Amino acid sequence: ATGQAAPTAATQPVSTALRVDIGAMTLAPTIKRDLDVADVWVEVDLVGLTDPSQMKTKRLHKSSVNLNFGYAQSVPVDAGSREEEVLRQVMGSQQEQDSDVYFIVKTQSARGQEREIG
């Protein structure tokens, strides 16, 4: 023996992420006929983990043959972080709606105003 201590593995905090994917969408016929709707996109309200404006798809024109947003975004949830605490609170809540994730379909009107359409 050389008298050297065996190397030990350092304990690293567990890091994980919450991933959101948004694929294809079909618009209602009334929205397709609405002349005040041109481009559409989706914003995600992820139980307060991040600003919904940061969780937004690209804009697609409502008449696109394939409304496939191809969106994927991950929000890091590190051990001991604010995000982990928020998740623990909403998942442990007695109120089911506290843990709801909202997908908000939006458009920009001809007057330049954003509005929700779904």
PDB file of N, CA and C in Angstrom:
ATOM      1  N   ALA A   1       0.840  -1.184   0.000  1.00  0.00           N
ATOM      2  CA  ALA A   1       0.000   0.000   0.000  1.00  0.00           C
ATOM      3  C   ALA A   1       0.874   1.232   0.000  1.00  0.00           C
ATOM      4  N   THR A   2       0.407   2.236  -0.683  1.00  0.00           N
ATOM      5  CA  THR A   2       1.177   3.468  -0.810  1.00  0.00           C
ATOM      6  C   THR A   2       0.752   4.530   0.184  1.00  0.00           C
ATOM      7  N   GLY A   3      -0.293   4.284   0.929  1.00  0.00           N
ATOM      8  CA  GLY A   3      -0.751   5.251   1.911  1.00  0.00           C
ATOM      9  C   GLY A   3      -1.676   6.312   1.336  1.00  0.00           C
ATOM     10  N   GLN A   4      -2.027   6.182   0.056  1.00  0.00           N
ATOM     11  CA  GLN A   4      -2.941   7.162  -0.537  1.00  0.00           C
ATOM     12  C   GLN A   4      -4.386   6.709  -0.343  1.00  0.00           C
ATOM     13  N   ALA A   5      -5.230   7.655  -0.082  1.00  0.00           N
ATOM     14  CA  ALA A   5      -6.651   7.343   0.089  1.00  0.00           C
ATOM     15  C   ALA A   5      -7.281   7.073  -1.275  1.00  0.00           C
ATOM     16  N   ALA A   6      -8.220   6.166  -1.276  1.00  0.00           N
ATOM     17  CA  ALA A   6      -8.948   5.873  -2.514  1.00  0.00           C
ATOM     18  C   ALA A   6      -9.808   7.078  -2.884  1.00  0.00           C
ATOM     19  N   PRO A   7      -9.918   7.383  -4.175  1.00  0.00           N
ATOM     20  CA  PRO A   7     -10.748   8.518  -4.584  1.00  0.00           C
ATOM     21  C   PRO A   7     -12.217   8.272  -4.230  1.00  0.00           C
ATOM     22  N   THR A   8     -12.890   9.329  -3.857  1.00  0.00           N
ATOM     23  CA  THR A   8     -14.316   9.220  -3.544  1.00  0.00           C
ATOM     24  C   THR A   8     -15.109  10.052  -4.541  1.00  0.00           C
ATOM     25  N   ALA A   9     -16.292   9.589  -4.828  1.00  0.00           N
ATOM     26  CA  ALA A   9     -17.162  10.315  -5.764  1.00  0.00           C
ATOM     27  C   ALA A   9     -17.825  11.476  -5.032  1.00  0.00           C
ATOM     28  N   ALA A  10     -17.771  12.632  -5.629  1.00  0.00           N
ATOM     29  CA  ALA A  10     -18.442  13.798  -5.046  1.00  0.00           C
ATOM     30  C   ALA A  10     -19.940  13.679  -5.312  1.00  0.00           C
ATOM     31  N   THR A  11     -20.706  14.004  -4.318  1.00  0.00           N
ATOM     32  CA  THR A  11     -22.153  13.960  -4.481  1.00  0.00           C
ATOM     33  C   THR A  11     -22.611  15.219  -5.200  1.00  0.00           C
ATOM     34  N   GLN A  12     -23.246  15.030  -6.343  1.00  0.00           N
ATOM     35  CA  GLN A  12     -23.759  16.143  -7.129  1.00  0.00           C
ATOM     36  C   GLN A  12     -25.267  16.240  -6.933  1.00  0.00           C
ATOM     37  N   PRO A  13     -25.784  17.443  -6.803  1.00  0.00           N
ATOM     38  CA  PRO A  13     -27.234  17.572  -6.718  1.00  0.00           C
ATOM     39  C   PRO A  13     -27.869  17.076  -8.015  1.00  0.00           C
ATOM     40  N   VAL A  14     -29.024  16.464  -7.872  1.00  0.00           N
ATOM     41  CA  VAL A  14     -29.727  15.944  -9.036  1.00  0.00           C
ATOM     42  C   VAL A  14     -30.333  17.110  -9.805  1.00  0.00           C
ATOM     43  N   SER A  15     -30.089  17.132 -11.091  1.00  0.00           N
ATOM     44  CA  SER A  15     -30.663  18.153 -11.948  1.00  0.00           C
ATOM     45  C   SER A  15     -31.571  17.465 -12.951  1.00  0.00           C
ATOM     46  N   THR A  16     -32.737  18.000 -13.125  1.00  0.00           N
ATOM     47  CA  THR A  16     -33.678  17.439 -14.079  1.00  0.00           C
ATOM     48  C   THR A  16     -34.365  18.593 -14.794  1.00  0.00           C
ATOM     49  N   ALA A  17     -35.208  18.275 -15.736  1.00  0.00           N
ATOM     50  CA  ALA A  17     -35.906  19.320 -16.479  1.00  0.00           C
ATOM     51  C   ALA A  17     -37.327  18.876 -16.768  1.00  0.00           C
ATOM     52  N   LEU A  18     -38.187  19.846 -16.918  1.00  0.00           N
ATOM     53  CA  LEU A  18     -39.566  19.619 -17.310  1.00  0.00           C
ATOM     54  C   LEU A  18     -39.657  20.038 -18.767  1.00  0.00           C
ATOM     55  N   ARG A  19     -40.066  19.112 -19.629  1.00  0.00           N
ATOM     56  CA  ARG A  19     -40.075  19.380 -21.064  1.00  0.00           C
ATOM     57  C   ARG A  19     -41.501  19.567 -21.569  1.00  0.00           C
ATOM     58  N   VAL A  20     -41.666  20.560 -22.436  1.00  0.00           N
ATOM     59  CA  VAL A  20     -42.952  20.843 -23.072  1.00  0.00           C
ATOM     60  C   VAL A  20     -42.771  20.686 -24.576  1.00  0.00           C
ATOM     61  N   ASP A  21     -43.646  19.888 -25.188  1.00  0.00           N
ATOM     62  CA  ASP A  21     -43.650  19.708 -26.638  1.00  0.00           C
ATOM     63  C   ASP A  21     -45.006  20.137 -27.180  1.00  0.00           C
ATOM     64  N   ILE A  22     -45.000  20.866 -28.283  1.00  0.00           N
ATOM     65  CA  ILE A  22     -46.235  21.233 -28.973  1.00  0.00           C
ATOM     66  C   ILE A  22     -46.052  20.848 -30.429  1.00  0.00           C
ATOM     67  N   GLY A  23     -46.939  19.984 -30.896  1.00  0.00           N
ATOM     68  CA  GLY A  23     -46.859  19.510 -32.274  1.00  0.00           C
ATOM     69  C   GLY A  23     -47.897  20.175 -33.155  1.00  0.00           C
ATOM     70  N   ALA A  24     -48.754  19.344 -33.741  1.00  0.00           N
ATOM     71  CA  ALA A  24     -49.738  19.819 -34.707  1.00  0.00           C
ATOM     72  C   ALA A  24     -51.015  20.289 -34.024  1.00  0.00           C
ATOM     73  N   MET A  25     -51.715  21.176 -34.717  1.00  0.00           N
ATOM     74  CA  MET A  25     -52.974  21.710 -34.211  1.00  0.00           C
ATOM     75  C   MET A  25     -53.922  21.903 -35.389  1.00  0.00           C
ATOM     76  N   THR A  26     -55.200  21.681 -35.142  1.00  0.00           N
ATOM     77  CA  THR A  26     -56.238  21.943 -36.132  1.00  0.00           C
ATOM     78  C   THR A  26     -57.113  23.071 -35.604  1.00  0.00           C
ATOM     79  N   LEU A  27     -57.274  24.098 -36.403  1.00  0.00           N
ATOM     80  CA  LEU A  27     -58.105  25.231 -36.002  1.00  0.00           C
ATOM     81  C   LEU A  27     -59.565  24.963 -36.332  1.00  0.00           C
ATOM     82  N   ALA A  28     -60.450  25.510 -35.515  1.00  0.00           N
ATOM     83  CA  ALA A  28     -61.886  25.411 -35.768  1.00  0.00           C
ATOM     84  C   ALA A  28     -62.220  26.169 -37.056  1.00  0.00           C
ATOM     85  N   PRO A  29     -63.204  25.696 -37.809  1.00  0.00           N
ATOM     86  CA  PRO A  29     -63.583  26.383 -39.056  1.00  0.00           C
ATOM     87  C   PRO A  29     -63.923  27.859 -38.858  1.00  0.00           C
ATOM     88  N   THR A  30     -64.525  28.214 -37.734  1.00  0.00           N
ATOM     89  CA  THR A  30     -64.861  29.627 -37.496  1.00  0.00           C
ATOM     90  C   THR A  30     -63.609  30.491 -37.401  1.00  0.00           C
ATOM     91  N   ILE A  31     -62.546  29.953 -36.838  1.00  0.00           N
ATOM     92  CA  ILE A  31     -61.290  30.712 -36.740  1.00  0.00           C
ATOM     93  C   ILE A  31     -60.647  30.821 -38.116  1.00  0.00           C
ATOM     94  N   LYS A  32     -60.711  29.746 -38.898  1.00  0.00           N
ATOM     95  CA  LYS A  32     -60.137  29.790 -40.249  1.00  0.00           C
ATOM     96  C   LYS A  32     -60.842  30.829 -41.117  1.00  0.00           C
ATOM     97  N   ARG A  33     -62.149  31.032 -40.888  1.00  0.00           N
ATOM     98  CA  ARG A  33     -62.916  32.008 -41.680  1.00  0.00           C
ATOM     99  C   ARG A  33     -62.794  33.430 -41.133  1.00  0.00           C
ATOM    100  N   ASP A  34     -62.324  33.583 -39.913  1.00  0.00           N
ATOM    101  CA  ASP A  34     -62.231  34.903 -39.274  1.00  0.00           C
ATOM    102  C   ASP A  34     -61.158  35.740 -39.973  1.00  0.00           C
ATOM    103  N   LEU A  35     -61.583  36.827 -40.601  1.00  0.00           N
ATOM    104  CA  LEU A  35     -60.650  37.676 -41.348  1.00  0.00           C
ATOM    105  C   LEU A  35     -59.675  38.421 -40.449  1.00  0.00           C
ATOM    106  N   ASP A  36     -59.986  38.507 -39.164  1.00  0.00           N
ATOM    107  CA  ASP A  36     -59.112  39.215 -38.223  1.00  0.00           C
ATOM    108  C   ASP A  36     -58.027  38.297 -37.652  1.00  0.00           C
ATOM    109  N   VAL A  37     -58.017  37.041 -38.075  1.00  0.00           N
ATOM    110  CA  VAL A  37     -57.004  36.082 -37.624  1.00  0.00           C
ATOM    111  C   VAL A  37     -56.088  35.773 -38.802  1.00  0.00           C
ATOM    112  N   ALA A  38     -54.798  35.970 -38.622  1.00  0.00           N
ATOM    113  CA  ALA A  38     -53.830  35.644 -39.675  1.00  0.00           C
ATOM    114  C   ALA A  38     -52.843  34.609 -39.140  1.00  0.00           C
ATOM    115  N   ASP A  39     -51.862  35.075 -38.383  1.00  0.00           N
ATOM    116  CA  ASP A  39     -50.887  34.165 -37.782  1.00  0.00           C
ATOM    117  C   ASP A  39     -51.391  33.691 -36.429  1.00  0.00           C
ATOM    118  N   VAL A  40     -51.039  32.469 -36.089  1.00  0.00           N
ATOM    119  CA  VAL A  40     -51.389  31.922 -34.779  1.00  0.00           C
ATOM    120  C   VAL A  40     -50.128  31.367 -34.129  1.00  0.00           C
ATOM    121  N   TRP A  41     -50.129  31.366 -32.812  1.00  0.00           N
ATOM    122  CA  TRP A  41     -49.044  30.767 -32.044  1.00  0.00           C
ATOM    123  C   TRP A  41     -49.599  30.314 -30.712  1.00  0.00           C
ATOM    124  N   VAL A  42     -48.792  29.576 -29.968  1.00  0.00           N
ATOM    125  CA  VAL A  42     -49.215  29.050 -28.678  1.00  0.00           C
ATOM    126  C   VAL A  42     -48.235  29.522 -27.612  1.00  0.00           C
ATOM    127  N   GLU A  43     -48.797  29.998 -26.490  1.00  0.00           N
ATOM    128  CA  GLU A  43     -47.995  30.321 -25.311  1.00  0.00           C
ATOM    129  C   GLU A  43     -48.372  29.336 -24.216  1.00  0.00           C
ATOM    130  N   VAL A  44     -47.393  28.968 -23.401  1.00  0.00           N
ATOM    131  CA  VAL A  44     -47.607  27.979 -22.350  1.00  0.00           C
ATOM    132  C   VAL A  44     -47.412  28.631 -20.987  1.00  0.00           C
ATOM    133  N   ASP A  45     -48.408  28.461 -20.125  1.00  0.00           N
ATOM    134  CA  ASP A  45     -48.299  28.906 -18.733  1.00  0.00           C
ATOM    135  C   ASP A  45     -48.006  27.660 -17.914  1.00  0.00           C
ATOM    136  N   LEU A  46     -46.769  27.505 -17.543  1.00  0.00           N
ATOM    137  CA  LEU A  46     -46.270  26.296 -16.891  1.00  0.00           C
ATOM    138  C   LEU A  46     -46.240  26.493 -15.381  1.00  0.00           C
ATOM    139  N   VAL A  47     -47.404  26.573 -14.777  1.00  0.00           N
ATOM    140  CA  VAL A  47     -47.617  26.705 -13.328  1.00  0.00           C
ATOM    141  C   VAL A  47     -46.679  27.711 -12.650  1.00  0.00           C
ATOM    142  N   GLY A  48     -46.351  28.777 -13.366  1.00  0.00           N
ATOM    143  CA  GLY A  48     -45.527  29.821 -12.777  1.00  0.00           C
ATOM    144  C   GLY A  48     -44.039  29.514 -12.747  1.00  0.00           C
ATOM    145  N   LEU A  49     -43.606  28.459 -13.424  1.00  0.00           N
ATOM    146  CA  LEU A  49     -42.175  28.126 -13.423  1.00  0.00           C
ATOM    147  C   LEU A  49     -41.360  29.102 -14.253  1.00  0.00           C
ATOM    148  N   THR A  50     -41.989  29.669 -15.258  1.00  0.00           N
ATOM    149  CA  THR A  50     -41.297  30.605 -16.129  1.00  0.00           C
ATOM    150  C   THR A  50     -42.317  31.571 -16.710  1.00  0.00           C
ATOM    151  N   ASP A  51     -41.862  32.675 -17.223  1.00  0.00           N
ATOM    152  CA  ASP A  51     -42.740  33.663 -17.838  1.00  0.00           C
ATOM    153  C   ASP A  51     -43.356  33.059 -19.104  1.00  0.00           C
ATOM    154  N   PRO A  52     -44.706  33.080 -19.237  1.00  0.00           N
ATOM    155  CA  PRO A  52     -45.336  32.493 -20.430  1.00  0.00           C
ATOM    156  C   PRO A  52     -44.807  33.069 -21.739  1.00  0.00           C
ATOM    157  N   SER A  53     -44.386  34.322 -21.746  1.00  0.00           N
ATOM    158  CA  SER A  53     -43.863  34.893 -22.989  1.00  0.00           C
ATOM    159  C   SER A  53     -42.544  34.234 -23.404  1.00  0.00           C
ATOM    160  N   GLN A  54     -41.884  33.561 -22.469  1.00  0.00           N
ATOM    161  CA  GLN A  54     -40.657  32.829 -22.785  1.00  0.00           C
ATOM    162  C   GLN A  54     -40.956  31.435 -23.332  1.00  0.00           C
ATOM    163  N   MET A  55     -42.193  30.992 -23.152  1.00  0.00           N
ATOM    164  CA  MET A  55     -42.618  29.662 -23.603  1.00  0.00           C
ATOM    165  C   MET A  55     -43.621  29.861 -24.733  1.00  0.00           C
ATOM    166  N   LYS A  56     -43.122  30.209 -25.914  1.00  0.00           N
ATOM    167  CA  LYS A  56     -44.003  30.551 -27.015  1.00  0.00           C
ATOM    168  C   LYS A  56     -43.485  29.927 -28.309  1.00  0.00           C
ATOM    169  N   THR A  57     -44.417  29.407 -29.102  1.00  0.00           N
ATOM    170  CA  THR A  57     -44.060  28.790 -30.377  1.00  0.00           C
ATOM    171  C   THR A  57     -43.793  29.861 -31.428  1.00  0.00           C
ATOM    172  N   LYS A  58     -43.311  29.415 -32.567  1.00  0.00           N
ATOM    173  CA  LYS A  58     -43.204  30.311 -33.716  1.00  0.00           C
ATOM    174  C   LYS A  58     -44.617  30.610 -34.220  1.00  0.00           C
ATOM    175  N   ARG A  59     -44.738  31.676 -34.973  1.00  0.00           N
ATOM    176  CA  ARG A  59     -46.028  32.048 -35.564  1.00  0.00           C
ATOM    177  C   ARG A  59     -46.188  31.319 -36.891  1.00  0.00           C
ATOM    178  N   LEU A  60     -47.381  30.772 -37.092  1.00  0.00           N
ATOM    179  CA  LEU A  60     -47.714  30.119 -38.353  1.00  0.00           C
ATOM    180  C   LEU A  60     -48.980  30.755 -38.904  1.00  0.00           C
ATOM    181  N   HIS A  61     -49.074  30.862 -40.221  1.00  0.00           N
ATOM    182  CA  HIS A  61     -50.283  31.427 -40.822  1.00  0.00           C
ATOM    183  C   HIS A  61     -51.409  30.411 -40.724  1.00  0.00           C
ATOM    184  N   LYS A  62     -52.602  30.893 -40.397  1.00  0.00           N
ATOM    185  CA  LYS A  62     -53.743  29.996 -40.159  1.00  0.00           C
ATOM    186  C   LYS A  62     -54.078  29.138 -41.368  1.00  0.00           C
ATOM    187  N   SER A  63     -53.713  29.578 -42.570  1.00  0.00           N
ATOM    188  CA  SER A  63     -54.040  28.800 -43.767  1.00  0.00           C
ATOM    189  C   SER A  63     -52.962  27.782 -44.124  1.00  0.00           C
ATOM    190  N   SER A  64     -51.923  27.675 -43.308  1.00  0.00           N
ATOM    191  CA  SER A  64     -50.877  26.678 -43.565  1.00  0.00           C
ATOM    192  C   SER A  64     -51.503  25.295 -43.646  1.00  0.00           C
ATOM    193  N   VAL A  65     -51.059  24.518 -44.616  1.00  0.00           N
ATOM    194  CA  VAL A  65     -51.596  23.172 -44.787  1.00  0.00           C
ATOM    195  C   VAL A  65     -51.369  22.355 -43.525  1.00  0.00           C
ATOM    196  N   ASN A  66     -50.202  22.503 -42.941  1.00  0.00           N
ATOM    197  CA  ASN A  66     -49.851  21.733 -41.755  1.00  0.00           C
ATOM    198  C   ASN A  66     -49.473  22.703 -40.637  1.00  0.00           C
ATOM    199  N   LEU A  67     -50.361  22.859 -39.670  1.00  0.00           N
ATOM    200  CA  LEU A  67     -50.048  23.716 -38.518  1.00  0.00           C
ATOM    201  C   LEU A  67     -49.267  22.892 -37.499  1.00  0.00           C
ATOM    202  N   ASN A  68     -48.012  22.620 -37.821  1.00  0.00           N
ATOM    203  CA  ASN A  68     -47.159  21.857 -36.917  1.00  0.00           C
ATOM    204  C   ASN A  68     -46.102  22.803 -36.372  1.00  0.00           C
ATOM    205  N   PHE A  69     -46.198  23.084 -35.093  1.00  0.00           N
ATOM    206  CA  PHE A  69     -45.301  24.055 -34.478  1.00  0.00           C
ATOM    207  C   PHE A  69     -43.906  23.491 -34.228  1.00  0.00           C
ATOM    208  N   GLY A  70     -43.776  22.180 -34.094  1.00  0.00           N
ATOM    209  CA  GLY A  70     -42.470  21.582 -33.867  1.00  0.00           C
ATOM    210  C   GLY A  70     -41.730  22.214 -32.699  1.00  0.00           C
ATOM    211  N   TYR A  71     -42.437  22.469 -31.619  1.00  0.00           N
ATOM    212  CA  TYR A  71     -41.885  23.204 -30.484  1.00  0.00           C
ATOM    213  C   TYR A  71     -41.476  22.244 -29.377  1.00  0.00           C
ATOM    214  N   ALA A  72     -40.314  22.462 -28.833  1.00  0.00           N
ATOM    215  CA  ALA A  72     -39.853  21.712 -27.662  1.00  0.00           C
ATOM    216  C   ALA A  72     -39.017  22.662 -26.813  1.00  0.00           C
ATOM    217  N   GLN A  73     -39.335  22.710 -25.546  1.00  0.00           N
ATOM    218  CA  GLN A  73     -38.612  23.586 -24.619  1.00  0.00           C
ATOM    219  C   GLN A  73     -38.499  22.873 -23.281  1.00  0.00           C
ATOM    220  N   SER A  74     -37.349  22.955 -22.676  1.00  0.00           N
ATOM    221  CA  SER A  74     -37.144  22.369 -21.354  1.00  0.00           C
ATOM    222  C   SER A  74     -36.883  23.469 -20.338  1.00  0.00           C
ATOM    223  N   VAL A  75     -37.457  23.281 -19.164  1.00  0.00           N
ATOM    224  CA  VAL A  75     -37.233  24.205 -18.049  1.00  0.00           C
ATOM    225  C   VAL A  75     -36.448  23.442 -16.993  1.00  0.00           C
ATOM    226  N   PRO A  76     -35.232  23.878 -16.677  1.00  0.00           N
ATOM    227  CA  PRO A  76     -34.441  23.170 -15.674  1.00  0.00           C
ATOM    228  C   PRO A  76     -35.100  23.238 -14.295  1.00  0.00           C
ATOM    229  N   VAL A  77     -35.070  22.110 -13.618  1.00  0.00           N
ATOM    230  CA  VAL A  77     -35.601  22.030 -12.254  1.00  0.00           C
ATOM    231  C   VAL A  77     -34.507  21.393 -11.402  1.00  0.00           C
ATOM    232  N   ASP A  78     -33.631  22.230 -10.884  1.00  0.00           N
ATOM    233  CA  ASP A  78     -32.513  21.744 -10.082  1.00  0.00           C
ATOM    234  C   ASP A  78     -32.949  21.499  -8.645  1.00  0.00           C
ATOM    235  N   ALA A  79     -32.306  20.531  -8.023  1.00  0.00           N
ATOM    236  CA  ALA A  79     -32.587  20.227  -6.618  1.00  0.00           C
ATOM    237  C   ALA A  79     -32.371  21.477  -5.777  1.00  0.00           C
ATOM    238  N   GLY A  80     -33.348  21.794  -4.936  1.00  0.00           N
ATOM    239  CA  GLY A  80     -33.246  22.945  -4.052  1.00  0.00           C
ATOM    240  C   GLY A  80     -33.564  24.279  -4.706  1.00  0.00           C
ATOM    241  N   SER A  81     -33.942  24.271  -5.974  1.00  0.00           N
ATOM    242  CA  SER A  81     -34.205  25.525  -6.686  1.00  0.00           C
ATOM    243  C   SER A  81     -35.622  26.032  -6.432  1.00  0.00           C
ATOM    244  N   ARG A  82     -35.853  27.273  -6.829  1.00  0.00           N
ATOM    245  CA  ARG A  82     -37.190  27.860  -6.743  1.00  0.00           C
ATOM    246  C   ARG A  82     -38.171  27.039  -7.573  1.00  0.00           C
ATOM    247  N   GLU A  83     -37.731  26.582  -8.755  1.00  0.00           N
ATOM    248  CA  GLU A  83     -38.593  25.787  -9.631  1.00  0.00           C
ATOM    249  C   GLU A  83     -39.016  24.488  -8.958  1.00  0.00           C
ATOM    250  N   GLU A  84     -38.082  23.850  -8.246  1.00  0.00           N
ATOM    251  CA  GLU A  84     -38.431  22.615  -7.545  1.00  0.00           C
ATOM    252  C   GLU A  84     -39.462  22.900  -6.450  1.00  0.00           C
ATOM    253  N   GLU A  85     -39.293  23.996  -5.738  1.00  0.00           N
ATOM    254  CA  GLU A  85     -40.239  24.354  -4.679  1.00  0.00           C
ATOM    255  C   GLU A  85     -41.622  24.640  -5.257  1.00  0.00           C
ATOM    256  N   VAL A  86     -41.674  25.363  -6.381  1.00  0.00           N
ATOM    257  CA  VAL A  86     -42.961  25.648  -7.034  1.00  0.00           C
ATOM    258  C   VAL A  86     -43.641  24.342  -7.433  1.00  0.00           C
ATOM    259  N   LEU A  87     -42.891  23.429  -8.033  1.00  0.00           N
ATOM    260  CA  LEU A  87     -43.470  22.136  -8.430  1.00  0.00           C
ATOM    261  C   LEU A  87     -43.993  21.367  -7.229  1.00  0.00           C
ATOM    262  N   ARG A  88     -43.242  21.350  -6.146  1.00  0.00           N
ATOM    263  CA  ARG A  88     -43.695  20.649  -4.938  1.00  0.00           C
ATOM    264  C   ARG A  88     -45.006  21.250  -4.417  1.00  0.00           C
ATOM    265  N   GLN A  89     -45.084  22.572  -4.432  1.00  0.00           N
ATOM    266  CA  GLN A  89     -46.289  23.237  -3.933  1.00  0.00           C
ATOM    267  C   GLN A  89     -47.504  22.931  -4.800  1.00  0.00           C
ATOM    268  N   VAL A  90     -47.359  23.067  -6.120  1.00  0.00           N
ATOM    269  CA  VAL A  90     -48.532  22.868  -6.981  1.00  0.00           C
ATOM    270  C   VAL A  90     -48.954  21.406  -7.048  1.00  0.00           C
ATOM    271  N   MET A  91     -48.008  20.496  -6.999  1.00  0.00           N
ATOM    272  CA  MET A  91     -48.351  19.075  -7.058  1.00  0.00           C
ATOM    273  C   MET A  91     -48.955  18.594  -5.742  1.00  0.00           C
ATOM    274  N   GLY A  92     -48.645  19.264  -4.651  1.00  0.00           N
ATOM    275  CA  GLY A  92     -49.183  18.881  -3.353  1.00  0.00           C
ATOM    276  C   GLY A  92     -50.443  19.645  -2.968  1.00  0.00           C
ATOM    277  N   SER A  93     -50.876  20.548  -3.828  1.00  0.00           N
ATOM    278  CA  SER A  93     -52.040  21.375  -3.519  1.00  0.00           C
ATOM    279  C   SER A  93     -53.324  20.552  -3.519  1.00  0.00           C
ATOM    280  N   GLN A  94     -54.243  20.929  -2.644  1.00  0.00           N
ATOM    281  CA  GLN A  94     -55.563  20.301  -2.616  1.00  0.00           C
ATOM    282  C   GLN A  94     -56.422  20.774  -3.791  1.00  0.00           C
ATOM    283  N   GLN A  95     -56.055  21.902  -4.377  1.00  0.00           N
ATOM    284  CA  GLN A  95     -56.805  22.462  -5.505  1.00  0.00           C
ATOM    285  C   GLN A  95     -56.202  21.955  -6.814  1.00  0.00           C
ATOM    286  N   GLU A  96     -56.953  21.146  -7.531  1.00  0.00           N
ATOM    287  CA  GLU A  96     -56.449  20.544  -8.764  1.00  0.00           C
ATOM    288  C   GLU A  96     -55.979  21.591  -9.774  1.00  0.00           C
ATOM    289  N   GLN A  97     -56.695  22.707  -9.875  1.00  0.00           N
ATOM    290  CA  GLN A  97     -56.343  23.722 -10.865  1.00  0.00           C
ATOM    291  C   GLN A  97     -54.989  24.371 -10.586  1.00  0.00           C
ATOM    292  N   ASP A  98     -54.463  24.254  -9.374  1.00  0.00           N
ATOM    293  CA  ASP A  98     -53.146  24.821  -9.068  1.00  0.00           C
ATOM    294  C   ASP A  98     -52.042  24.184  -9.907  1.00  0.00           C
ATOM    295  N   SER A  99     -52.247  22.940 -10.336  1.00  0.00           N
ATOM    296  CA  SER A  99     -51.217  22.252 -11.114  1.00  0.00           C
ATOM    297  C   SER A  99     -51.547  22.203 -12.604  1.00  0.00           C
ATOM    298  N   ASP A 100     -52.574  22.943 -13.031  1.00  0.00           N
ATOM    299  CA  ASP A 100     -52.937  22.959 -14.445  1.00  0.00           C
ATOM    300  C   ASP A 100     -51.887  23.703 -15.263  1.00  0.00           C
ATOM    301  N   VAL A 101     -51.579  23.152 -16.421  1.00  0.00           N
ATOM    302  CA  VAL A 101     -50.715  23.799 -17.397  1.00  0.00           C
ATOM    303  C   VAL A 101     -51.637  24.334 -18.487  1.00  0.00           C
ATOM    304  N   TYR A 102     -51.497  25.602 -18.824  1.00  0.00           N
ATOM    305  CA  TYR A 102     -52.374  26.224 -19.810  1.00  0.00           C
ATOM    306  C   TYR A 102     -51.640  26.426 -21.127  1.00  0.00           C
ATOM    307  N   PHE A 103     -52.302  26.014 -22.204  1.00  0.00           N
ATOM    308  CA  PHE A 103     -51.825  26.233 -23.561  1.00  0.00           C
ATOM    309  C   PHE A 103     -52.762  27.272 -24.175  1.00  0.00           C
ATOM    310  N   ILE A 104     -52.252  28.453 -24.453  1.00  0.00           N
ATOM    311  CA  ILE A 104     -53.072  29.569 -24.904  1.00  0.00           C
ATOM    312  C   ILE A 104     -52.766  29.839 -26.374  1.00  0.00           C
ATOM    313  N   VAL A 105     -53.788  29.669 -27.224  1.00  0.00           N
ATOM    314  CA  VAL A 105     -53.635  29.937 -28.654  1.00  0.00           C
ATOM    315  C   VAL A 105     -53.920  31.417 -28.870  1.00  0.00           C
ATOM    316  N   LYS A 106     -52.995  32.084 -29.547  1.00  0.00           N
ATOM    317  CA  LYS A 106     -53.112  33.532 -29.743  1.00  0.00           C
ATOM    318  C   LYS A 106     -52.988  33.897 -31.216  1.00  0.00           C
ATOM    319  N   THR A 107     -53.471  35.101 -31.515  1.00  0.00           N
ATOM    320  CA  THR A 107     -53.316  35.684 -32.840  1.00  0.00           C
ATOM    321  C   THR A 107     -53.038  37.169 -32.675  1.00  0.00           C
ATOM    322  N   GLN A 108     -52.618  37.781 -33.754  1.00  0.00           N
ATOM    323  CA  GLN A 108     -52.465  39.230 -33.763  1.00  0.00           C
ATOM    324  C   GLN A 108     -53.480  39.769 -34.757  1.00  0.00           C
ATOM    325  N   SER A 109     -54.325  40.671 -34.302  1.00  0.00           N
ATOM    326  CA  SER A 109     -55.392  41.212 -35.146  1.00  0.00           C
ATOM    327  C   SER A 109     -54.805  42.143 -36.204  1.00  0.00           C
ATOM    328  N   ALA A 110     -55.654  42.502 -37.154  1.00  0.00           N
ATOM    329  CA  ALA A 110     -55.233  43.431 -38.201  1.00  0.00           C
ATOM    330  C   ALA A 110     -54.838  44.780 -37.605  1.00  0.00           C
ATOM    331  N   ARG A 111     -55.347  45.091 -36.420  1.00  0.00           N
ATOM    332  CA  ARG A 111     -55.001  46.344 -35.731  1.00  0.00           C
ATOM    333  C   ARG A 111     -53.733  46.195 -34.894  1.00  0.00           C
ATOM    334  N   GLY A 112     -53.101  45.029 -34.967  1.00  0.00           N
ATOM    335  CA  GLY A 112     -51.844  44.827 -34.250  1.00  0.00           C
ATOM    336  C   GLY A 112     -51.986  44.421 -32.806  1.00  0.00           C
ATOM    337  N   GLN A 113     -53.197  44.062 -32.379  1.00  0.00           N
ATOM    338  CA  GLN A 113     -53.412  43.673 -30.989  1.00  0.00           C
ATOM    339  C   GLN A 113     -53.408  42.153 -30.857  1.00  0.00           C
ATOM    340  N   GLU A 114     -52.694  41.669 -29.838  1.00  0.00           N
ATOM    341  CA  GLU A 114     -52.723  40.238 -29.542  1.00  0.00           C
ATOM    342  C   GLU A 114     -54.040  39.901 -28.874  1.00  0.00           C
ATOM    343  N   ARG A 115     -54.578  38.722 -29.210  1.00  0.00           N
ATOM    344  CA  ARG A 115     -55.772  38.258 -28.515  1.00  0.00           C
ATOM    345  C   ARG A 115     -55.774  36.742 -28.467  1.00  0.00           C
ATOM    346  N   GLU A 116     -56.435  36.224 -27.454  1.00  0.00           N
ATOM    347  CA  GLU A 116     -56.562  34.781 -27.293  1.00  0.00           C
ATOM    348  C   GLU A 116     -57.693  34.281 -28.173  1.00  0.00           C
ATOM    349  N   ILE A 117     -57.446  33.149 -28.835  1.00  0.00           N
ATOM    350  CA  ILE A 117     -58.503  32.534 -29.638  1.00  0.00           C
ATOM    351  C   ILE A 117     -58.775  31.108 -29.186  1.00  0.00           C
ATOM    352  N   GLY A 118     -58.072  30.656 -28.194  1.00  0.00           N
ATOM    353  CA  GLY A 118     -58.301  29.303 -27.699  1.00  0.00           C
ATOM    354  C   GLY A 118     -57.401  28.981 -26.554  1.00  0.00           C
TER     355      GLY A 118
END
